[in-house]
C-alpha atoms as a PDB file:
ATOM      1  CA  MET A   1      20.715 -26.013  15.114  1.00  0.00           C
ATOM      2  CA  ALA A   2      17.676 -23.773  15.344  1.00  0.00           C
ATOM      3  CA  LYS A   3      15.225 -23.474  12.500  1.00  0.00           C
ATOM      4  CA  TYR A   4      13.338 -20.344  11.573  1.00  0.00           C
ATOM      5  CA  TYR A   5       9.753 -20.604  10.395  1.00  0.00           C
ATOM      6  CA  LEU A   6       8.011 -18.078   8.175  1.00  0.00           C
ATOM      7  CA  CYS A   7       4.351 -18.269   9.213  1.00  0.00           C
ATOM      8  CA  GLU A   8       1.597 -16.917   6.954  1.00  0.00           C
ATOM      9  CA  ALA A   9      -2.124 -16.204   7.318  1.00  0.00           C
ATOM     10  CA  GLN A  10      -4.822 -14.417   5.330  1.00  0.00           C
ATOM     11  CA  SER A  11      -6.054 -12.574   8.436  1.00  0.00           C
ATOM     12  CA  THR A  12      -5.541 -12.511  12.177  1.00  0.00           C
ATOM     13  CA  ASN A  13      -8.894 -14.247  12.661  1.00  0.00           C
ATOM     14  CA  GLU A  14      -8.236 -17.231  10.374  1.00  0.00           C
ATOM     15  CA  GLY A  15      -5.059 -18.602  11.913  1.00  0.00           C
ATOM     16  CA  ILE A  16      -1.861 -19.781  10.273  1.00  0.00           C
ATOM     17  CA  SER A  17      -2.296 -21.314   6.825  1.00  0.00           C
ATOM     18  CA  LYS A  18       1.319 -21.961   5.793  1.00  0.00           C
ATOM     19  CA  VAL A  19       4.670 -22.489   7.521  1.00  0.00           C
ATOM     20  CA  THR A  20       7.977 -22.548   5.627  1.00  0.00           C
ATOM     21  CA  PRO A  21      11.175 -23.640   7.451  1.00  0.00           C
ATOM     22  CA  TYR A  22      14.564 -21.976   6.915  1.00  0.00           C
ATOM     23  CA  GLU A  23      17.991 -22.927   8.264  1.00  0.00           C
ATOM     24  CA  LYS A  24      19.373 -19.382   8.481  1.00  0.00           C
ATOM     25  CA  PRO A  25      17.689 -16.304   9.960  1.00  0.00           C
ATOM     26  CA  GLU A  26      18.827 -14.213   6.989  1.00  0.00           C
ATOM     27  CA  GLU A  27      16.915 -16.498   4.611  1.00  0.00           C
ATOM     28  CA  ALA A  28      13.751 -16.208   6.718  1.00  0.00           C
ATOM     29  CA  LEU A  29      14.071 -12.413   6.864  1.00  0.00           C
ATOM     30  CA  GLU A  30      14.537 -12.165   3.097  1.00  0.00           C
ATOM     31  CA  ALA A  31      11.507 -14.387   2.472  1.00  0.00           C
ATOM     32  CA  ALA A  32       9.425 -12.327   4.918  1.00  0.00           C
ATOM     33  CA  SER A  33      10.475  -9.108   3.183  1.00  0.00           C
ATOM     34  CA  ASN A  34       9.214 -10.466  -0.141  1.00  0.00           C
ATOM     35  CA  ASN A  35       6.086 -12.086   1.310  1.00  0.00           C
ATOM     36  CA  THR A  36       2.674 -11.004   0.032  1.00  0.00           C
ATOM     37  CA  ALA A  37       0.495 -12.621   2.729  1.00  0.00           C
ATOM     38  CA  LYS A  38      -1.561 -10.116   4.710  1.00  0.00           C
ATOM     39  CA  VAL A  39      -0.224 -11.512   8.002  1.00  0.00           C
ATOM     40  CA  HIS A  40       3.247 -13.014   8.331  1.00  0.00           C
ATOM     41  CA  PHE A  41       5.880 -13.409  11.038  1.00  0.00           C
ATOM     42  CA  ILE A  42       9.023 -15.407  11.831  1.00  0.00           C
ATOM     43  CA  SER A  43       9.132 -17.884  14.695  1.00  0.00           C
ATOM     44  CA  THR A  44      11.717 -20.319  16.073  1.00  0.00           C
ATOM     45  CA  VAL A  45       8.855 -22.707  16.900  1.00  0.00           C
ATOM     46  CA  ASN A  46       6.654 -24.326  14.267  1.00  0.00           C
ATOM     47  CA  PRO A  47       3.136 -23.401  15.417  1.00  0.00           C
ATOM     48  CA  LEU A  48       1.549 -26.147  13.287  1.00  0.00           C
ATOM     49  CA  ALA A  49       3.708 -28.985  14.693  1.00  0.00           C
ATOM     50  CA  GLN A  50       2.290 -31.388  17.259  1.00  0.00           C
ATOM     51  CA  ASP A  51       3.862 -31.191  20.708  1.00  0.00           C
ATOM     52  CA  GLU A  52       5.904 -34.402  21.028  1.00  0.00           C
ATOM     53  CA  GLU A  53       5.789 -34.294  24.839  1.00  0.00           C
ATOM     54  CA  ASP A  54       1.979 -34.496  24.817  1.00  0.00           C
ATOM     55  CA  GLU A  55       2.118 -37.701  22.775  1.00  0.00           C
ATOM     56  CA  THR A  56       4.396 -39.504  25.258  1.00  0.00           C
ATOM     57  CA  GLU A  57       2.331 -38.786  28.369  1.00  0.00           C
END
């Protein structure tokens, strides 16, 4: 099952500071609607997670 990640940042220059996972897209959309971070978006990939394939090579 896919996860949806609400990603937050203080500015576009600083990078992502917080990622919150959600099981349902509706939950992620509701959280994004109520979010107060200056920059926020929803992704199906956790941008702060390490790439597991890189570790096995």
